[in-house]
Protein backbone atom coordinates (compact mmCIF):
# COMPACT_ATOMS: atom_id res chain seq x y z
CA MET A 1 -26.77 155.32 -120.45
CA ALA A 2 -29.61 157.54 -121.55
CA GLU A 3 -32.89 156.33 -119.46
CA GLU A 4 -36.10 155.23 -122.25
CA LYS A 5 -38.09 158.05 -122.40
CA ILE A 6 -41.06 155.62 -123.34
CA VAL A 7 -44.83 155.82 -121.92
CA SER A 8 -47.83 154.18 -123.17
CA SER A 9 -50.78 156.75 -124.23
CA GLY A 10 -52.76 154.95 -120.93
CA ASN A 11 -50.04 155.80 -118.91
CA THR A 12 -49.66 159.59 -120.79
CA SER A 13 -53.27 159.96 -120.37
CA MET A 14 -53.27 159.18 -116.54
CA LEU A 15 -50.27 161.89 -116.37
CA LEU A 16 -51.99 164.62 -118.49
CA LEU A 17 -55.68 164.02 -116.28
CA GLN A 18 -53.77 164.36 -113.17
CA LEU A 19 -52.27 167.95 -114.69
CA LEU A 20 -55.62 168.85 -115.30
CA SER A 21 -57.37 167.73 -112.50
CA GLU A 22 -55.33 170.96 -110.57
CA LYS A 23 -55.96 173.32 -112.85
CA ASP A 24 -57.08 174.03 -116.83
CA MET A 25 -54.10 174.11 -118.99
CA TYR A 26 -53.50 174.87 -122.69
CA GLY A 27 -51.59 172.48 -124.48
CA TYR A 28 -47.99 173.76 -124.28
CA GLU A 29 -47.87 174.32 -120.57
CA MET A 30 -48.62 171.13 -120.43
CA ILE A 31 -46.05 169.25 -122.02
CA GLU A 32 -43.94 172.18 -119.92
CA GLU A 33 -45.24 170.86 -116.61
CA LEU A 34 -45.09 167.19 -117.38
CA GLU A 35 -41.41 167.79 -118.17
CA LYS A 36 -40.55 169.69 -115.33
CA ARG A 37 -42.64 167.66 -112.74
CA SER A 38 -40.72 164.51 -114.58
CA GLU A 39 -37.37 166.16 -114.32
CA TYR A 40 -37.82 165.50 -118.41
CA VAL A 41 -38.01 161.96 -117.83
CA PHE A 42 -41.17 162.51 -119.71
CA SER A 43 -41.38 164.77 -122.88
CA LEU A 44 -44.17 164.56 -124.86
CA LYS A 45 -43.93 165.73 -129.15
CA ALA A 46 -47.13 168.39 -129.72
CA GLY A 47 -48.03 165.96 -132.30
CA THR A 48 -48.29 162.84 -129.86
CA MET A 49 -49.94 165.20 -127.49
CA TYR A 50 -52.63 166.34 -129.32
CA PRO A 51 -54.09 163.79 -130.96
CA LEU A 52 -54.27 162.14 -127.22
CA LEU A 53 -56.29 165.02 -126.16
CA HIS A 54 -58.61 165.06 -128.61
CA THR A 55 -59.58 161.50 -128.16
CA MET A 56 -59.73 162.22 -124.14
CA GLU A 57 -62.08 165.12 -125.48
CA SER A 58 -64.19 162.73 -127.38
CA ARG A 59 -64.54 160.31 -124.55
CA LYS A 60 -65.95 163.39 -122.93
CA LEU A 61 -62.99 163.07 -120.22
CA LEU A 62 -62.41 166.88 -120.62
CA ILE A 63 -63.48 169.81 -122.99
CA SER A 64 -61.80 172.45 -124.46
CA TYR A 65 -62.29 175.86 -124.69
CA GLU A 66 -60.64 178.90 -126.07
CA LYS A 67 -58.80 181.99 -123.83
CA GLU A 68 -57.39 185.02 -124.66
CA ALA A 69 -54.23 185.05 -122.85
CA GLN A 70 -51.21 187.83 -123.19
CA GLY A 71 -52.79 189.00 -126.61
CA LYS A 72 -52.90 184.97 -127.60
CA VAL A 73 -56.11 183.20 -128.21
CA ARG A 74 -55.56 179.86 -127.06
CA ARG A 75 -57.23 176.47 -126.66
CA TYR A 76 -57.33 175.49 -122.81
CA TYR A 77 -58.63 171.86 -121.40
CA SER A 78 -60.26 171.03 -118.50
CA ILE A 79 -60.99 167.80 -116.66
CA THR A 80 -64.69 166.98 -116.32
CA LYS A 81 -66.41 164.78 -113.65
CA GLN A 82 -66.18 161.86 -116.38
CA GLY A 83 -62.44 163.01 -116.42
CA MET A 84 -62.11 162.79 -112.79
CA ALA A 85 -63.24 159.05 -112.30
CA GLU A 86 -61.17 157.89 -114.99
CA LEU A 87 -58.47 159.79 -113.76
CA ILE A 88 -59.12 157.55 -110.20
CA ARG A 89 -59.68 154.41 -111.87
CA LYS A 90 -55.72 154.98 -113.52
CA LYS A 91 -54.08 155.91 -110.14
CA GLU A 92 -55.79 152.46 -108.58
CA ALA A 93 -54.84 150.35 -111.59
CA TRP A 94 -50.91 152.03 -111.98
CA GLU A 95 -50.53 151.63 -107.57
CA THR A 96 -51.94 147.75 -108.14
CA TYR A 97 -49.41 147.43 -110.71
CA THR A 98 -46.50 149.23 -109.29
CA LYS A 99 -46.67 147.21 -105.96
CA ALA A 100 -46.34 143.93 -107.70
CA VAL A 101 -43.80 144.95 -109.63
CA GLY A 102 -42.12 146.11 -106.54
CA GLN A 103 -42.82 143.20 -104.90
CA VAL A 104 -41.32 141.35 -107.88
CA ILE A 105 -38.16 143.24 -108.00
CA GLY A 106 -37.90 143.72 -104.19
CA GLY A 107 -38.17 139.84 -103.81
CA ALA A 108 -35.26 138.97 -106.29
CA LEU A 109 -32.95 141.92 -104.94
CA TYR A 110 -33.31 140.85 -101.05
CA GLY A 111 -34.00 136.91 -101.72
CA ASN A 112 -37.85 136.38 -100.57
CA ALA A 113 -38.77 135.46 -103.55
């Protein structure tokens, strides 16, 4: 059975912010890195990612700039201080969520309910 590859935009933005917290990246680079790190569980289409990046930029979570690389001008994205704060908040919320899910699933699996 194929795994579902559905991620909410809130979680996707957390993943993109995480990538950008490590280094500035251009769009296609983010798509490739996300696929590689998730073993292709997360696969974003450009039509999904770019509107999300534009929204995050309008919220001042990241900035973009153009840079020439290998003869091509690419738009790079960089996380802001506000974006780092949002990433920390999202990671804390994710940890709370996954802990709660684990407690429910673990309790059901091991008779600890």
